[in-house]
Amino acid sequence: MNAKVWLVGAGPGDPELLTLKAVRALRSAEVVMIDSLVNPAVLEHCPSAKVIAVGKRGGCRSTPQAFIHRLMLRYARQGKCVVRLKGGDPCIFGRGSEEAEWLRDRGVDVELVNGITAGLAGATQCDIPLTLRGVARGVTLVTAHTEDDSTLNWQALAQSGTTLVVYMGVAKLDEVRRELLAGGMAGDTPVAMIENASLPQQRVCFSDVSGMQAAALAFDLKAPAVMVIGEVVAQGSQRLGREGVEAVVGLGTQWLSA
């Protein structure tokens, strides 16, 4: 595995959700470049590697992408096995494809390793199936934050009939709410806003599209969080009603029905 860059998804936070292939890459790593959302506990698989923090967070001081590119290239050309460790999956809002293409254009051997994305893990932790026969025949993953401030086709999303999973949307909750309603989505469509997906401090706020911003404010929702929007969310909210708050908190998730 020498002289190679691995673009590895570390999953949503729970270190037990790391894949075996990711563990194998970490064990061979000489240099690990770690994102800010990666749980440091996964570094137990690479105790002798040089670890470099290259975090990128919205609204915070971030490592420039060009610098990350050059750093990976420098170590690869030194003959090192490099792991670029990303939260979630490297190819779901993770720039994995961009980095792989940039490195391959410069003659570097690159391999991508999938990780479990936060939208999937968070929904599962809340007993929300992203697809369900007779309810949702598909799922659409979108980001509310774009580098060029371009606008999504919210009308098409609102009328798609699929479950929507919205990443990086905490700062744009009101915009998401307004756009979905304007696009024709019913105001009583269920919403789950999941903070710190898969971690012991995970919390979820249930609401609907019309009331999602007010519910998030009352809940004091913080990033990182994902929103799951669609009729499938009712599966998780029904579980709250059946089991009660104390039983669910005992599983490591705090619940608030807004």
C-alpha atoms as a PDB file:
ATOM      1  CA  MET A   1       0.000   0.000   0.000  1.00  0.00           C
ATOM      2  CA  ASN A   2       2.958   2.371  -0.271  1.00  0.00           C
ATOM      3  CA  ALA A   3       2.874   5.565  -2.366  1.00  0.00           C
ATOM      4  CA  LYS A   4      -0.879   5.667  -2.434  1.00  0.00           C
ATOM      5  CA  VAL A   5      -3.679   7.943  -1.293  1.00  0.00           C
ATOM      6  CA  TRP A   6      -6.782   6.408   0.224  1.00  0.00           C
ATOM      7  CA  LEU A   7      -9.857   8.650   0.378  1.00  0.00           C
ATOM      8  CA  VAL A   8     -11.670   7.020   3.263  1.00  0.00           C
ATOM      9  CA  GLY A   9     -15.137   7.602   4.672  1.00  0.00           C
ATOM     10  CA  ALA A  10     -15.063   7.416   8.465  1.00  0.00           C
ATOM     11  CA  GLY A  11     -18.841   7.224   8.756  1.00  0.00           C
ATOM     12  CA  PRO A  12     -21.160   9.504  10.707  1.00  0.00           C
ATOM     13  CA  GLY A  13     -19.363   9.433  14.054  1.00  0.00           C
ATOM     14  CA  ASP A  14     -19.915   6.085  15.748  1.00  0.00           C
ATOM     15  CA  PRO A  15     -16.484   4.384  15.450  1.00  0.00           C
ATOM     16  CA  GLU A  16     -18.179   0.974  15.247  1.00  0.00           C
ATOM     17  CA  LEU A  17     -19.664   1.989  11.880  1.00  0.00           C
ATOM     18  CA  LEU A  18     -16.215   2.144  10.286  1.00  0.00           C
ATOM     19  CA  THR A  19     -15.858  -0.444   7.509  1.00  0.00           C
ATOM     20  CA  LEU A  20     -13.291  -3.234   7.589  1.00  0.00           C
ATOM     21  CA  LYS A  21     -11.697  -1.811   4.446  1.00  0.00           C
ATOM     22  CA  ALA A  22     -11.336   1.575   6.129  1.00  0.00           C
ATOM     23  CA  VAL A  23      -9.653  -0.098   9.106  1.00  0.00           C
ATOM     24  CA  ARG A  24      -7.258  -1.907   6.786  1.00  0.00           C
ATOM     25  CA  ALA A  25      -6.297   1.353   5.089  1.00  0.00           C
ATOM     26  CA  LEU A  26      -5.774   3.097   8.429  1.00  0.00           C
ATOM     27  CA  ARG A  27      -3.568   0.297   9.714  1.00  0.00           C
ATOM     28  CA  SER A  28      -1.307   0.747   6.686  1.00  0.00           C
ATOM     29  CA  ALA A  29      -1.287   4.544   6.808  1.00  0.00           C
ATOM     30  CA  GLU A  30       1.865   6.533   7.417  1.00  0.00           C
ATOM     31  CA  VAL A  31       0.079   9.883   7.134  1.00  0.00           C
ATOM     32  CA  VAL A  32      -3.570  10.529   8.051  1.00  0.00           C
ATOM     33  CA  MET A  33      -5.233  13.806   7.094  1.00  0.00           C
ATOM     34  CA  ILE A  34      -8.356  14.056   9.225  1.00  0.00           C
ATOM     35  CA  ASP A  35     -11.504  16.154   8.811  1.00  0.00           C
ATOM     36  CA  SER A  36     -13.068  17.964  11.745  1.00  0.00           C
ATOM     37  CA  LEU A  37     -16.221  15.802  11.841  1.00  0.00           C
ATOM     38  CA  VAL A  38     -14.302  12.533  12.154  1.00  0.00           C
ATOM     39  CA  ASN A  39     -14.472  10.886  15.575  1.00  0.00           C
ATOM     40  CA  PRO A  40     -10.872  10.835  16.929  1.00  0.00           C
ATOM     41  CA  ALA A  41     -11.581   7.361  18.347  1.00  0.00           C
ATOM     42  CA  VAL A  42     -11.017   5.848  14.887  1.00  0.00           C
ATOM     43  CA  LEU A  43      -7.362   6.883  15.095  1.00  0.00           C
ATOM     44  CA  GLU A  44      -6.741   3.915  17.380  1.00  0.00           C
ATOM     45  CA  HIS A  45      -6.393   1.944  14.137  1.00  0.00           C
ATOM     46  CA  CYS A  46      -3.324   3.975  13.075  1.00  0.00           C
ATOM     47  CA  PRO A  47      -1.338   4.632  16.278  1.00  0.00           C
ATOM     48  CA  SER A  48       1.999   5.152  14.517  1.00  0.00           C
ATOM     49  CA  ALA A  49       0.771   7.410  11.694  1.00  0.00           C
ATOM     50  CA  LYS A  50       1.421  11.130  11.437  1.00  0.00           C
ATOM     51  CA  VAL A  51      -1.991  12.810  11.938  1.00  0.00           C
ATOM     52  CA  ILE A  52      -2.706  16.177  10.327  1.00  0.00           C
ATOM     53  CA  ALA A  53      -5.938  18.073  10.965  1.00  0.00           C
ATOM     54  CA  VAL A  54      -7.367  19.557   7.751  1.00  0.00           C
ATOM     55  CA  GLY A  55     -10.899  20.349   8.862  1.00  0.00           C
ATOM     56  CA  LYS A  56     -13.448  22.244   6.786  1.00  0.00           C
ATOM     57  CA  ARG A  57     -16.558  23.525   8.603  1.00  0.00           C
ATOM     58  CA  GLY A  58     -19.143  26.045   7.461  1.00  0.00           C
ATOM     59  CA  GLY A  59     -18.852  29.344   9.331  1.00  0.00           C
ATOM     60  CA  CYS A  60     -15.488  28.351  10.826  1.00  0.00           C
ATOM     61  CA  ARG A  61     -11.890  28.778   9.837  1.00  0.00           C
ATOM     62  CA  SER A  62     -11.201  26.012   7.336  1.00  0.00           C
ATOM     63  CA  THR A  63      -8.182  24.486   5.659  1.00  0.00           C
ATOM     64  CA  PRO A  64      -8.054  25.662   2.007  1.00  0.00           C
ATOM     65  CA  GLN A  65      -8.787  22.902  -0.469  1.00  0.00           C
ATOM     66  CA  ALA A  66      -5.757  23.768  -2.596  1.00  0.00           C
ATOM     67  CA  PHE A  67      -3.521  23.277   0.445  1.00  0.00           C
ATOM     68  CA  ILE A  68      -5.080  19.865   1.128  1.00  0.00           C
ATOM     69  CA  HIS A  69      -4.419  18.849  -2.474  1.00  0.00           C
ATOM     70  CA  ARG A  70      -0.772  19.878  -2.297  1.00  0.00           C
ATOM     71  CA  LEU A  71      -0.234  18.173   1.052  1.00  0.00           C
ATOM     72  CA  MET A  72      -1.597  14.850  -0.184  1.00  0.00           C
ATOM     73  CA  LEU A  73       0.550  15.099  -3.292  1.00  0.00           C
ATOM     74  CA  ARG A  74       3.685  15.947  -1.313  1.00  0.00           C
ATOM     75  CA  TYR A  75       3.440  12.915   0.961  1.00  0.00           C
ATOM     76  CA  ALA A  76       2.447  10.588  -1.878  1.00  0.00           C
ATOM     77  CA  ARG A  77       5.516  11.660  -3.848  1.00  0.00           C
ATOM     78  CA  GLN A  78       7.621  10.884  -0.790  1.00  0.00           C
ATOM     79  CA  GLY A  79       6.430   7.293  -1.141  1.00  0.00           C
ATOM     80  CA  LYS A  80       4.061   7.449   1.816  1.00  0.00           C
ATOM     81  CA  CYS A  81       0.760   5.663   2.240  1.00  0.00           C
ATOM     82  CA  VAL A  82      -1.670   8.532   2.845  1.00  0.00           C
ATOM     83  CA  VAL A  83      -5.216   8.317   4.193  1.00  0.00           C
ATOM     84  CA  ARG A  84      -7.500  11.292   3.714  1.00  0.00           C
ATOM     85  CA  LEU A  85     -10.095  10.556   6.393  1.00  0.00           C
ATOM     86  CA  LYS A  86     -13.486  12.155   5.825  1.00  0.00           C
ATOM     87  CA  GLY A  87     -16.691  12.211   7.830  1.00  0.00           C
ATOM     88  CA  GLY A  88     -19.505  10.140   6.336  1.00  0.00           C
ATOM     89  CA  ASP A  89     -18.868   9.009   2.762  1.00  0.00           C
ATOM     90  CA  PRO A  90     -16.124  10.686   0.686  1.00  0.00           C
ATOM     91  CA  CYS A  91     -18.390  10.968  -2.350  1.00  0.00           C
ATOM     92  CA  ILE A  92     -21.489  12.365  -0.642  1.00  0.00           C
ATOM     93  CA  PHE A  93     -20.800  16.077  -0.189  1.00  0.00           C
ATOM     94  CA  GLY A  94     -17.218  15.142   0.664  1.00  0.00           C
ATOM     95  CA  ARG A  95     -15.191  16.262  -2.403  1.00  0.00           C
ATOM     96  CA  GLY A  96     -13.833  12.750  -2.787  1.00  0.00           C
ATOM     97  CA  SER A  97     -14.234  12.672  -6.549  1.00  0.00           C
ATOM     98  CA  GLU A  98     -12.584  16.094  -6.941  1.00  0.00           C
ATOM     99  CA  GLU A  99      -9.583  15.050  -4.886  1.00  0.00           C
ATOM    100  CA  ALA A 100      -9.252  11.705  -6.637  1.00  0.00           C
ATOM    101  CA  GLU A 101      -9.296  13.332 -10.071  1.00  0.00           C
ATOM    102  CA  TRP A 102      -6.769  16.006  -9.051  1.00  0.00           C
ATOM    103  CA  LEU A 103      -4.337  13.408  -7.695  1.00  0.00           C
ATOM    104  CA  ARG A 104      -4.738  10.985 -10.606  1.00  0.00           C
ATOM    105  CA  ASP A 105      -4.028  13.811 -13.045  1.00  0.00           C
ATOM    106  CA  ARG A 106      -0.651  14.045 -11.320  1.00  0.00           C
ATOM    107  CA  GLY A 107       0.098  10.344 -11.490  1.00  0.00           C
ATOM    108  CA  VAL A 108      -0.896   9.370  -7.944  1.00  0.00           C
ATOM    109  CA  ASP A 109      -2.541   6.021  -7.229  1.00  0.00           C
ATOM    110  CA  VAL A 110      -5.866   6.678  -5.476  1.00  0.00           C
ATOM    111  CA  GLU A 111      -8.541   4.449  -3.980  1.00  0.00           C
ATOM    112  CA  LEU A 112     -11.881   5.530  -2.532  1.00  0.00           C
ATOM    113  CA  VAL A 113     -13.400   3.706   0.442  1.00  0.00           C
ATOM    114  CA  ASN A 114     -17.078   4.210   1.152  1.00  0.00           C
ATOM    115  CA  GLY A 115     -18.393   5.211   4.552  1.00  0.00           C
ATOM    116  CA  ILE A 116     -21.903   5.300   5.998  1.00  0.00           C
ATOM    117  CA  THR A 117     -23.380   8.727   5.390  1.00  0.00           C
ATOM    118  CA  ALA A 118     -24.961  10.710   8.241  1.00  0.00           C
ATOM    119  CA  GLY A 119     -28.377  10.892   6.592  1.00  0.00           C
ATOM    120  CA  LEU A 120     -28.675   7.116   6.503  1.00  0.00           C
ATOM    121  CA  ALA A 121     -27.221   6.508   9.957  1.00  0.00           C
ATOM    122  CA  GLY A 122     -29.238   9.236  11.644  1.00  0.00           C
ATOM    123  CA  ALA A 123     -32.490   8.059  10.106  1.00  0.00           C
ATOM    124  CA  THR A 124     -31.825   4.445  11.072  1.00  0.00           C
ATOM    125  CA  GLN A 125     -31.009   5.428  14.657  1.00  0.00           C
ATOM    126  CA  CYS A 126     -34.440   7.093  14.791  1.00  0.00           C
ATOM    127  CA  ASP A 127     -36.268   4.101  13.288  1.00  0.00           C
ATOM    128  CA  ILE A 128     -36.938   6.061  10.097  1.00  0.00           C
ATOM    129  CA  PRO A 129     -36.694   4.019   6.887  1.00  0.00           C
ATOM    130  CA  LEU A 130     -35.605   6.278   4.036  1.00  0.00           C
ATOM    131  CA  THR A 131     -37.572   4.103   1.615  1.00  0.00           C
ATOM    132  CA  LEU A 132     -40.722   2.175   2.462  1.00  0.00           C
ATOM    133  CA  ARG A 133     -43.106   0.199   0.291  1.00  0.00           C
ATOM    134  CA  GLY A 134     -46.271   2.159  -0.360  1.00  0.00           C
ATOM    135  CA  VAL A 135     -44.858   5.318   1.260  1.00  0.00           C
ATOM    136  CA  ALA A 136     -41.558   6.348  -0.345  1.00  0.00           C
ATOM    137  CA  ARG A 137     -40.144   4.726  -3.460  1.00  0.00           C
ATOM    138  CA  GLY A 138     -36.867   6.643  -3.378  1.00  0.00           C
ATOM    139  CA  VAL A 139     -34.621   9.004  -1.459  1.00  0.00           C
ATOM    140  CA  THR A 140     -32.961  12.241  -2.559  1.00  0.00           C
ATOM    141  CA  LEU A 141     -29.858  13.605  -0.832  1.00  0.00           C
ATOM    142  CA  VAL A 142     -29.298  17.354  -1.163  1.00  0.00           C
ATOM    143  CA  THR A 143     -27.202  20.048   0.476  1.00  0.00           C
ATOM    144  CA  ALA A 144     -28.669  23.380   1.488  1.00  0.00           C
ATOM    145  CA  HIS A 145     -25.219  24.964   1.319  1.00  0.00           C
ATOM    146  CA  THR A 146     -23.482  25.434  -2.022  1.00  0.00           C
ATOM    147  CA  GLU A 147     -20.089  27.007  -2.687  1.00  0.00           C
ATOM    148  CA  ASP A 148     -21.471  29.265  -5.432  1.00  0.00           C
ATOM    149  CA  ASP A 149     -24.769  30.053  -3.621  1.00  0.00           C
ATOM    150  CA  SER A 150     -26.725  28.443  -6.450  1.00  0.00           C
ATOM    151  CA  THR A 151     -30.353  27.533  -5.758  1.00  0.00           C
ATOM    152  CA  LEU A 152     -31.805  24.035  -5.841  1.00  0.00           C
ATOM    153  CA  ASN A 153     -34.926  23.261  -7.817  1.00  0.00           C
ATOM    154  CA  TRP A 154     -37.047  23.104  -4.691  1.00  0.00           C
ATOM    155  CA  GLN A 155     -40.287  22.744  -6.650  1.00  0.00           C
ATOM    156  CA  ALA A 156     -39.031  19.550  -8.267  1.00  0.00           C
ATOM    157  CA  LEU A 157     -37.830  18.273  -4.893  1.00  0.00           C
ATOM    158  CA  ALA A 158     -41.125  19.133  -3.209  1.00  0.00           C
ATOM    159  CA  GLN A 159     -43.062  17.188  -5.841  1.00  0.00           C
ATOM    160  CA  SER A 160     -40.639  14.296  -6.280  1.00  0.00           C
ATOM    161  CA  GLY A 161     -42.482  11.894  -3.985  1.00  0.00           C
ATOM    162  CA  THR A 162     -39.151  10.783  -2.508  1.00  0.00           C
ATOM    163  CA  THR A 163     -37.819  11.155   1.010  1.00  0.00           C
ATOM    164  CA  LEU A 164     -35.602  14.243   1.190  1.00  0.00           C
ATOM    165  CA  VAL A 165     -32.433  14.219   3.256  1.00  0.00           C
ATOM    166  CA  VAL A 166     -31.001  17.722   3.609  1.00  0.00           C
ATOM    167  CA  TYR A 167     -27.403  18.185   4.707  1.00  0.00           C
ATOM    168  CA  MET A 168     -25.836  21.412   5.978  1.00  0.00           C
ATOM    169  CA  GLY A 169     -29.212  23.058   6.414  1.00  0.00           C
ATOM    170  CA  VAL A 170     -29.243  24.330  10.014  1.00  0.00           C
ATOM    171  CA  ALA A 171     -28.403  27.895   8.985  1.00  0.00           C
ATOM    172  CA  LYS A 172     -30.947  27.789   6.144  1.00  0.00           C
ATOM    173  CA  LEU A 173     -33.949  26.186   7.815  1.00  0.00           C
ATOM    174  CA  ASP A 174     -36.290  29.064   7.044  1.00  0.00           C
ATOM    175  CA  GLU A 175     -35.214  29.120   3.400  1.00  0.00           C
ATOM    176  CA  VAL A 176     -35.755  25.361   3.106  1.00  0.00           C
ATOM    177  CA  ARG A 177     -39.183  25.664   4.723  1.00  0.00           C
ATOM    178  CA  ARG A 178     -40.276  28.537   2.485  1.00  0.00           C
ATOM    179  CA  GLU A 179     -39.001  26.935  -0.709  1.00  0.00           C
ATOM    180  CA  LEU A 180     -40.635  23.566  -0.041  1.00  0.00           C
ATOM    181  CA  LEU A 181     -43.982  25.164   0.783  1.00  0.00           C
ATOM    182  CA  ALA A 182     -43.753  27.400  -2.282  1.00  0.00           C
ATOM    183  CA  GLY A 183     -42.907  24.312  -4.344  1.00  0.00           C
ATOM    184  CA  GLY A 184     -46.135  22.619  -3.332  1.00  0.00           C
ATOM    185  CA  MET A 185     -45.126  20.383  -0.446  1.00  0.00           C
ATOM    186  CA  ALA A 186     -47.873  19.962   2.163  1.00  0.00           C
ATOM    187  CA  GLY A 187     -47.208  21.930   5.330  1.00  0.00           C
ATOM    188  CA  ASP A 188     -47.979  18.913   7.522  1.00  0.00           C
ATOM    189  CA  THR A 189     -45.300  16.743   5.871  1.00  0.00           C
ATOM    190  CA  PRO A 190     -43.297  15.210   8.756  1.00  0.00           C
ATOM    191  CA  VAL A 191     -39.727  16.341   9.411  1.00  0.00           C
ATOM    192  CA  ALA A 192     -37.004  14.904  11.648  1.00  0.00           C
ATOM    193  CA  MET A 193     -34.027  17.139  12.440  1.00  0.00           C
ATOM    194  CA  ILE A 194     -31.206  14.912  13.673  1.00  0.00           C
ATOM    195  CA  GLU A 195     -28.206  16.399  15.470  1.00  0.00           C
ATOM    196  CA  ASN A 196     -24.917  14.493  15.943  1.00  0.00           C
ATOM    197  CA  ALA A 197     -26.118  11.433  14.041  1.00  0.00           C
ATOM    198  CA  SER A 198     -25.028   8.069  15.513  1.00  0.00           C
ATOM    199  CA  LEU A 199     -23.153   9.582  18.477  1.00  0.00           C
ATOM    200  CA  PRO A 200     -24.187   9.096  22.136  1.00  0.00           C
ATOM    201  CA  GLN A 201     -25.260  12.763  22.209  1.00  0.00           C
ATOM    202  CA  GLN A 202     -27.544  12.362  19.192  1.00  0.00           C
ATOM    203  CA  ARG A 203     -30.816  14.286  19.510  1.00  0.00           C
ATOM    204  CA  VAL A 204     -33.809  14.463  17.216  1.00  0.00           C
ATOM    205  CA  CYS A 205     -36.584  17.009  16.927  1.00  0.00           C
ATOM    206  CA  PHE A 206     -39.795  15.940  15.190  1.00  0.00           C
ATOM    207  CA  SER A 207     -41.882  18.611  13.503  1.00  0.00           C
ATOM    208  CA  ASP A 208     -43.514  19.294  10.139  1.00  0.00           C
ATOM    209  CA  VAL A 209     -42.506  21.484   7.233  1.00  0.00           C
ATOM    210  CA  SER A 210     -44.627  24.453   8.322  1.00  0.00           C
ATOM    211  CA  GLY A 211     -43.273  24.478  11.863  1.00  0.00           C
ATOM    212  CA  MET A 212     -39.726  23.224  11.358  1.00  0.00           C
ATOM    213  CA  GLN A 213     -37.929  26.523  11.964  1.00  0.00           C
ATOM    214  CA  ALA A 214     -39.842  27.346  15.129  1.00  0.00           C
ATOM    215  CA  ALA A 215     -39.342  23.786  16.399  1.00  0.00           C
ATOM    216  CA  ALA A 216     -35.603  23.922  15.702  1.00  0.00           C
ATOM    217  CA  LEU A 217     -35.281  27.213  17.576  1.00  0.00           C
ATOM    218  CA  ALA A 218     -37.159  25.832  20.579  1.00  0.00           C
ATOM    219  CA  PHE A 219     -34.989  22.704  20.444  1.00  0.00           C
ATOM    220  CA  ASP A 220     -31.790  24.771  20.084  1.00  0.00           C
ATOM    221  CA  LEU A 221     -30.753  22.647  17.112  1.00  0.00           C
ATOM    222  CA  LYS A 222     -27.015  22.839  16.375  1.00  0.00           C
ATOM    223  CA  ALA A 223     -24.818  21.704  13.495  1.00  0.00           C
ATOM    224  CA  PRO A 224     -23.885  19.098  12.460  1.00  0.00           C
ATOM    225  CA  ALA A 225     -27.416  18.025  11.744  1.00  0.00           C
ATOM    226  CA  VAL A 226     -29.398  16.483   8.910  1.00  0.00           C
ATOM    227  CA  MET A 227     -33.069  16.873   8.087  1.00  0.00           C
ATOM    228  CA  VAL A 228     -35.205  13.962   6.931  1.00  0.00           C
ATOM    229  CA  ILE A 229     -38.397  15.152   5.253  1.00  0.00           C
ATOM    230  CA  GLY A 230     -41.239  12.896   4.136  1.00  0.00           C
ATOM    231  CA  GLU A 231     -44.009  10.583   5.249  1.00  0.00           C
ATOM    232  CA  VAL A 232     -41.502   7.932   6.373  1.00  0.00           C
ATOM    233  CA  VAL A 233     -40.601  10.190   9.322  1.00  0.00           C
ATOM    234  CA  ALA A 234     -43.903   9.191  10.928  1.00  0.00           C
ATOM    235  CA  GLN A 235     -42.385   5.756  11.588  1.00  0.00           C
ATOM    236  CA  GLY A 236     -39.884   7.268  14.004  1.00  0.00           C
ATOM    237  CA  SER A 237     -42.309   9.661  15.652  1.00  0.00           C
ATOM    238  CA  GLN A 238     -44.752   6.777  16.259  1.00  0.00           C
ATOM    239  CA  ARG A 239     -41.969   4.918  18.060  1.00  0.00           C
ATOM    240  CA  LEU A 240     -41.689   7.865  20.444  1.00  0.00           C
ATOM    241  CA  GLY A 241     -45.367   7.592  21.243  1.00  0.00           C
ATOM    242  CA  ARG A 242     -45.147   3.822  21.816  1.00  0.00           C
ATOM    243  CA  GLU A 243     -42.015   3.617  23.932  1.00  0.00           C
ATOM    244  CA  GLY A 244     -41.957   6.897  25.816  1.00  0.00           C
ATOM    245  CA  VAL A 245     -39.129   9.341  26.330  1.00  0.00           C
ATOM    246  CA  GLU A 246     -37.219   7.524  29.068  1.00  0.00           C
ATOM    247  CA  ALA A 247     -36.879   4.264  27.149  1.00  0.00           C
ATOM    248  CA  VAL A 248     -35.492   6.010  24.086  1.00  0.00           C
ATOM    249  CA  VAL A 249     -33.094   8.231  26.029  1.00  0.00           C
ATOM    250  CA  GLY A 250     -31.704   5.031  27.508  1.00  0.00           C
ATOM    251  CA  LEU A 251     -30.621   4.036  24.011  1.00  0.00           C
ATOM    252  CA  GLY A 252     -28.432   7.140  23.768  1.00  0.00           C
ATOM    253  CA  THR A 253     -30.804   9.419  21.854  1.00  0.00           C
ATOM    254  CA  GLN A 254     -32.748  12.346  23.280  1.00  0.00           C
ATOM    255  CA  TRP A 255     -36.104  12.953  21.687  1.00  0.00           C
ATOM    256  CA  LEU A 256     -38.278  16.032  21.597  1.00  0.00           C
ATOM    257  CA  SER A 257     -41.600  16.103  19.793  1.00  0.00           C
ATOM    258  CA  ALA A 258     -42.171  19.676  18.667  1.00  0.00           C
END
